[in-house]
Amino acid sequence: MRVLIILGRFILDFIEEIGGVSLLFWRVLQQGHLIFRNIGNTFVQMETIGIGSIPLVLVTSVFVGAVTSVQAAYQFQGYVPLYYLGAVVGKSVTLEVGPVLTALVVGGRVSAAIAAELGTMKVTEQIDAMEMIAIDPVEYLVLPRIAAATLMLPVLTVFADFLAIVGGMVVAKLAVGVSYNTFESGLRLLFRYQDLVGGLIKTFVFGYIIAFMGCYNGFMTKGGAEGVGVATMRAVVSSCLLILVSNYLLAFLIFRVIFAPN
C-alpha cells in the first residue's frame, strides 16, 4: 500500500509539472511578439548571459579541445595515421563536444542564476506586486531572458568551437608531434559546413531550454530561502537533462533527415 501511495504521488507530481511547463510554454508563445517592448532589458540579459559566460566557456573549450586531441591520438596509435587527427578533432568539436558541453556549462550557470533571481522575487512577493500593478511578469521577466539565451548560446558556441580547435591544434603539436600544417590539412579534409550549421541549430534550442527552465523553476519557488535553493537545483538538473534528451532528438532530425546523406 505504501508503495502505491508513493507511486501515485510521484505520478501526480509529474503530471503537475508537465501541466505547469505547458502553461508557461503556451504563454511564452502567445506573448512572443511583445519581446520588442522590452528590448533594453533583453540587451542587459544578453550581456549578462553572453559576456558573463565567456571566461567559463574559454577555460572549458580550450581544455576540451586539448583532451580530445590527446585521446584521439592515443586511439590512433598503430591503426590510423595522425594526419587525420585534425579531422577527428574538428568533427567532434563542431558536431557534439562544442554545442553540448557549452550548453551544459552555460546552462549550469545561467539556469541557476535565473532561478535564484526569480525565486527570490517570488518568495518576497515582488512578482505578485508586479501583477497587482498590471505588469505581466512573463512579458517583463521571462521573454527577455529566453530571447537573450536563445541568441547568445550560438555565439558562445562559435567561440567555444574555435578555441577548442585551437587548443587541440596546440596540444597536437606540443604533446603528439603533429605539425600545425598537418593538423590543418586534416581539419580541411573532412570538414563539411553541415556539421557546423547542424551544431549551431541545436544551440538555439539549448539556449531556449536553459532560460525557460530557469524561469519556470523560479516562478514555482515556495518556502522562503530553502525553496530558492531547491528551485535553483531543480533548474540546473532539469535543464541539463533536457539538453541531453533534446540533443539526441535534434541530432536525429538534423543529420538523418535535414542533412541526410544522399
Protein backbone atom coordinates (compact mmCIF):
# COMPACT_ATOMS: atom_id res chain seq x y z
CA MET A 1 0.00 0.00 0.00
CA ARG A 2 2.78 2.44 0.90
CA VAL A 3 4.48 1.77 -2.44
CA LEU A 4 1.24 2.53 -4.28
CA ILE A 5 0.84 5.79 -2.37
CA ILE A 6 4.40 6.87 -3.21
CA LEU A 7 3.93 5.86 -6.84
CA GLY A 8 0.62 7.72 -7.07
CA ARG A 9 2.15 10.84 -5.53
CA PHE A 10 5.03 10.68 -7.99
CA ILE A 11 2.63 10.37 -10.94
CA LEU A 12 0.52 13.29 -9.72
CA ASP A 13 3.62 15.45 -9.20
CA PHE A 14 4.86 14.55 -12.69
CA ILE A 15 1.51 15.45 -14.25
CA GLU A 16 1.51 18.73 -12.33
CA GLU A 17 5.00 19.55 -13.59
CA ILE A 18 4.02 18.78 -17.19
CA GLY A 19 0.96 20.99 -16.84
CA GLY A 20 2.93 23.88 -15.36
CA VAL A 21 5.61 23.69 -18.04
CA SER A 22 2.98 23.52 -20.79
CA LEU A 23 1.09 26.53 -19.45
CA LEU A 24 4.22 28.68 -19.25
CA PHE A 25 5.34 27.49 -22.68
CA TRP A 26 1.96 28.48 -24.14
CA ARG A 27 2.10 31.92 -22.51
CA VAL A 28 5.57 32.49 -23.94
CA LEU A 29 4.33 31.54 -27.41
CA GLN A 30 1.32 33.83 -27.10
CA GLN A 31 3.37 36.81 -25.98
CA GLY A 32 6.48 36.24 -28.07
CA HIS A 33 5.64 39.20 -30.32
CA LEU A 34 5.92 41.53 -27.31
CA ILE A 35 9.66 40.97 -26.95
CA PHE A 36 10.46 44.26 -28.68
CA ARG A 37 8.64 46.19 -25.97
CA ASN A 38 11.44 45.24 -23.56
CA ILE A 39 14.37 45.31 -25.96
CA GLY A 40 16.53 47.20 -23.46
CA ASN A 41 16.06 44.51 -20.84
CA THR A 42 16.88 41.90 -23.48
CA PHE A 43 20.21 43.58 -24.22
CA VAL A 44 21.00 43.64 -20.50
CA GLN A 45 20.32 39.91 -20.29
CA MET A 46 22.40 39.26 -23.42
CA GLU A 47 25.33 40.96 -21.73
CA THR A 48 24.81 39.01 -18.51
CA ILE A 49 24.39 35.64 -20.22
CA GLY A 50 26.81 36.09 -23.11
CA ILE A 51 29.70 38.24 -21.93
CA GLY A 52 29.42 36.93 -18.38
CA SER A 53 29.86 33.35 -19.59
CA ILE A 54 32.94 33.98 -21.76
CA PRO A 55 35.57 33.15 -19.07
CA LEU A 56 33.84 29.87 -18.25
CA VAL A 57 33.49 28.94 -21.93
CA LEU A 58 37.11 29.91 -22.63
CA VAL A 59 38.59 27.63 -19.98
CA THR A 60 36.22 24.75 -20.74
CA SER A 61 36.62 24.81 -24.53
CA VAL A 62 40.41 25.03 -24.53
CA PHE A 63 40.81 22.01 -22.28
CA VAL A 64 38.06 20.08 -24.07
CA GLY A 65 39.89 20.55 -27.36
CA ALA A 66 43.17 19.57 -25.75
CA VAL A 67 41.84 16.36 -24.22
CA THR A 68 40.03 15.46 -27.45
CA SER A 69 43.31 15.76 -29.34
CA VAL A 70 45.23 13.66 -26.81
CA GLN A 71 42.59 10.94 -26.64
CA ALA A 72 42.23 10.76 -30.43
CA ALA A 73 45.99 10.47 -30.88
CA TYR A 74 46.06 7.67 -28.28
CA GLN A 75 43.31 5.78 -30.09
CA PHE A 76 45.02 6.26 -33.47
CA GLN A 77 48.33 4.69 -32.43
CA GLY A 78 49.16 1.85 -34.77
CA TYR A 79 45.80 1.99 -36.56
CA VAL A 80 45.10 5.40 -38.15
CA PRO A 81 47.63 7.94 -39.50
CA LEU A 82 47.91 11.06 -37.34
CA TYR A 83 47.19 13.04 -40.50
CA TYR A 84 43.52 12.53 -39.66
CA LEU A 85 43.84 13.95 -36.14
CA GLY A 86 42.65 17.40 -37.22
CA ALA A 87 39.62 15.92 -38.96
CA VAL A 88 38.56 13.98 -35.88
CA VAL A 89 39.03 16.94 -33.54
CA GLY A 90 37.18 19.26 -35.91
CA LYS A 91 34.21 16.96 -36.39
CA SER A 92 33.99 16.04 -32.70
CA VAL A 93 34.03 19.66 -31.64
CA THR A 94 31.61 21.09 -34.20
CA LEU A 95 29.12 18.22 -34.09
CA GLU A 96 28.82 17.36 -30.40
CA VAL A 97 31.51 18.44 -27.98
CA GLY A 98 31.29 22.17 -28.63
CA PRO A 99 27.49 22.61 -28.66
CA VAL A 100 26.64 20.16 -25.89
CA LEU A 101 29.38 20.99 -23.39
CA THR A 102 28.91 24.71 -23.95
CA ALA A 103 25.19 24.31 -23.30
CA LEU A 104 25.82 22.26 -20.16
CA VAL A 105 28.35 24.62 -18.57
CA VAL A 106 26.44 27.76 -19.56
CA GLY A 107 23.18 26.09 -18.54
CA GLY A 108 24.50 25.34 -15.08
CA ARG A 109 25.48 28.96 -14.61
CA VAL A 110 22.54 30.69 -16.29
CA SER A 111 19.70 28.41 -15.15
CA ALA A 112 20.85 28.67 -11.55
CA ALA A 113 21.16 32.45 -11.74
CA ILE A 114 17.73 32.91 -13.33
CA ALA A 115 16.01 30.52 -10.93
CA ALA A 116 17.65 32.15 -7.91
CA GLU A 117 16.76 35.67 -9.07
CA LEU A 118 13.14 34.93 -9.97
CA GLY A 119 12.73 32.59 -7.00
CA THR A 120 13.80 35.37 -4.64
CA MET A 121 11.33 37.72 -6.32
CA LYS A 122 8.62 35.08 -5.92
CA VAL A 123 9.11 34.40 -2.22
CA THR A 124 9.41 38.12 -1.45
CA GLU A 125 6.15 38.70 -3.36
CA GLN A 126 7.72 41.06 -5.89
CA ILE A 127 6.15 39.10 -8.75
CA ASP A 128 2.73 39.35 -7.08
CA ALA A 129 3.26 43.11 -6.75
CA MET A 130 4.04 43.34 -10.47
CA GLU A 131 0.77 41.60 -11.28
CA MET A 132 -1.10 43.95 -8.96
CA ILE A 133 0.08 46.99 -10.93
CA ALA A 134 -0.78 45.30 -14.27
CA ILE A 135 2.77 44.34 -15.29
CA ASP A 136 2.85 40.90 -16.86
CA PRO A 137 5.82 39.01 -15.33
CA VAL A 138 6.06 36.73 -18.38
CA GLU A 139 6.46 39.69 -20.70
CA TYR A 140 8.80 41.61 -18.41
CA LEU A 141 10.87 38.82 -16.83
CA VAL A 142 10.63 35.68 -18.96
CA LEU A 143 10.70 36.85 -22.58
CA PRO A 144 13.93 38.92 -22.33
CA ARG A 145 15.79 36.07 -20.66
CA ILE A 146 14.61 33.46 -23.16
CA ALA A 147 15.43 35.71 -26.12
CA ALA A 148 18.87 36.54 -24.72
CA ALA A 149 19.81 32.92 -24.02
CA THR A 150 18.48 31.73 -27.38
CA LEU A 151 20.53 34.33 -29.26
CA MET A 152 23.71 34.24 -27.22
CA LEU A 153 24.31 30.50 -26.88
CA PRO A 154 25.06 30.05 -30.63
CA VAL A 155 27.54 32.94 -30.38
CA LEU A 156 29.22 31.34 -27.38
CA THR A 157 29.30 28.01 -29.22
CA VAL A 158 31.13 29.51 -32.22
CA PHE A 159 33.62 31.00 -29.78
CA ALA A 160 33.95 27.64 -28.00
CA ASP A 161 34.39 25.69 -31.26
CA PHE A 162 37.22 27.97 -32.36
CA LEU A 163 39.03 27.81 -29.03
CA ALA A 164 38.61 24.05 -28.76
CA ILE A 165 40.11 23.50 -32.22
CA VAL A 166 42.98 25.87 -31.44
CA GLY A 167 43.56 24.08 -28.13
CA GLY A 168 43.56 20.73 -29.90
CA MET A 169 46.00 22.02 -32.52
CA VAL A 170 48.44 23.33 -29.92
CA VAL A 171 48.35 20.11 -27.90
CA ALA A 172 48.75 18.06 -31.09
CA LYS A 173 51.92 19.99 -31.82
CA LEU A 174 53.41 20.01 -28.31
CA ALA A 175 52.34 16.60 -26.96
CA VAL A 176 51.85 14.43 -30.05
CA GLY A 177 54.26 15.97 -32.55
CA VAL A 178 51.73 16.72 -35.30
CA SER A 179 52.65 19.94 -37.09
CA TYR A 180 50.21 22.81 -37.46
CA ASN A 181 50.12 22.33 -41.24
CA THR A 182 49.35 18.62 -40.93
CA PHE A 183 46.63 19.29 -38.37
CA GLU A 184 45.07 22.00 -40.54
CA SER A 185 45.20 19.79 -43.64
CA GLY A 186 43.38 17.01 -41.78
CA LEU A 187 40.87 19.55 -40.47
CA ARG A 188 40.08 20.70 -44.00
CA LEU A 189 39.98 17.17 -45.35
CA LEU A 190 36.64 16.10 -43.87
CA PHE A 191 35.13 19.47 -42.99
CA ARG A 192 31.50 19.95 -44.07
CA TYR A 193 29.56 23.12 -43.49
CA GLN A 194 26.57 20.97 -42.50
CA ASP A 195 28.49 19.86 -39.40
CA LEU A 196 28.94 23.42 -38.18
CA VAL A 197 25.43 24.54 -39.13
CA GLY A 198 23.82 21.46 -37.58
CA GLY A 199 25.66 22.00 -34.31
CA LEU A 200 24.62 25.65 -34.20
CA ILE A 201 20.97 24.83 -34.92
CA LYS A 202 20.94 22.69 -31.80
CA THR A 203 22.25 25.53 -29.65
CA PHE A 204 19.21 27.72 -30.35
CA VAL A 205 17.04 25.03 -28.76
CA PHE A 206 19.53 24.54 -25.92
CA GLY A 207 19.51 28.26 -25.16
CA TYR A 208 15.71 28.28 -25.03
CA ILE A 209 15.69 25.29 -22.67
CA ILE A 210 18.25 26.87 -20.33
CA ALA A 211 16.34 30.12 -19.87
CA PHE A 212 12.90 28.53 -19.88
CA MET A 213 13.67 26.02 -17.13
CA GLY A 214 15.35 28.69 -15.05
CA CYS A 215 12.27 30.92 -15.34
CA TYR A 216 9.80 28.10 -14.72
CA ASN A 217 11.53 26.85 -11.57
CA GLY A 218 11.94 30.42 -10.36
CA PHE A 219 8.21 31.06 -10.75
CA MET A 220 7.37 27.80 -8.93
CA THR A 221 9.52 28.61 -5.89
CA LYS A 222 7.90 28.10 -2.49
CA GLY A 223 9.08 28.16 1.10
CA GLY A 224 11.47 31.07 1.53
CA ALA A 225 15.26 30.77 1.28
CA GLU A 226 15.19 26.98 1.35
CA GLY A 227 12.74 26.99 -1.53
CA VAL A 228 15.06 29.20 -3.56
CA GLY A 229 17.85 26.67 -3.12
CA VAL A 230 15.57 23.81 -4.19
CA ALA A 231 14.37 25.76 -7.23
CA THR A 232 17.95 26.51 -8.23
CA MET A 233 18.93 22.85 -8.02
CA ARG A 234 15.85 21.77 -9.97
CA ALA A 235 16.54 24.33 -12.68
CA VAL A 236 20.09 23.09 -13.24
CA VAL A 237 19.14 19.40 -13.19
CA SER A 238 16.11 19.78 -15.46
CA SER A 239 17.91 21.98 -17.98
CA CYS A 240 20.88 19.60 -18.22
CA LEU A 241 18.63 16.55 -18.63
CA LEU A 242 16.51 18.26 -21.29
CA ILE A 243 19.65 19.36 -23.15
CA LEU A 244 20.89 15.77 -23.34
CA VAL A 245 17.50 14.38 -24.38
CA SER A 246 16.86 17.09 -26.96
CA ASN A 247 20.41 16.66 -28.29
CA TYR A 248 19.58 13.12 -29.37
CA LEU A 249 16.27 14.13 -30.94
CA LEU A 250 17.79 17.11 -32.74
CA ALA A 251 20.79 15.11 -33.93
CA PHE A 252 18.47 12.52 -35.45
CA LEU A 253 16.32 15.21 -37.08
CA ILE A 254 19.21 17.30 -38.41
CA PHE A 255 21.66 14.67 -39.57
CA ARG A 256 19.28 11.86 -40.52
CA VAL A 257 16.51 13.96 -42.09
CA ILE A 258 17.54 17.52 -42.95
CA PHE A 259 21.19 16.85 -43.84
CA ALA A 260 20.71 13.17 -44.63
CA PRO A 261 23.38 11.76 -46.95
CA ASN A 262 22.19 11.09 -50.47
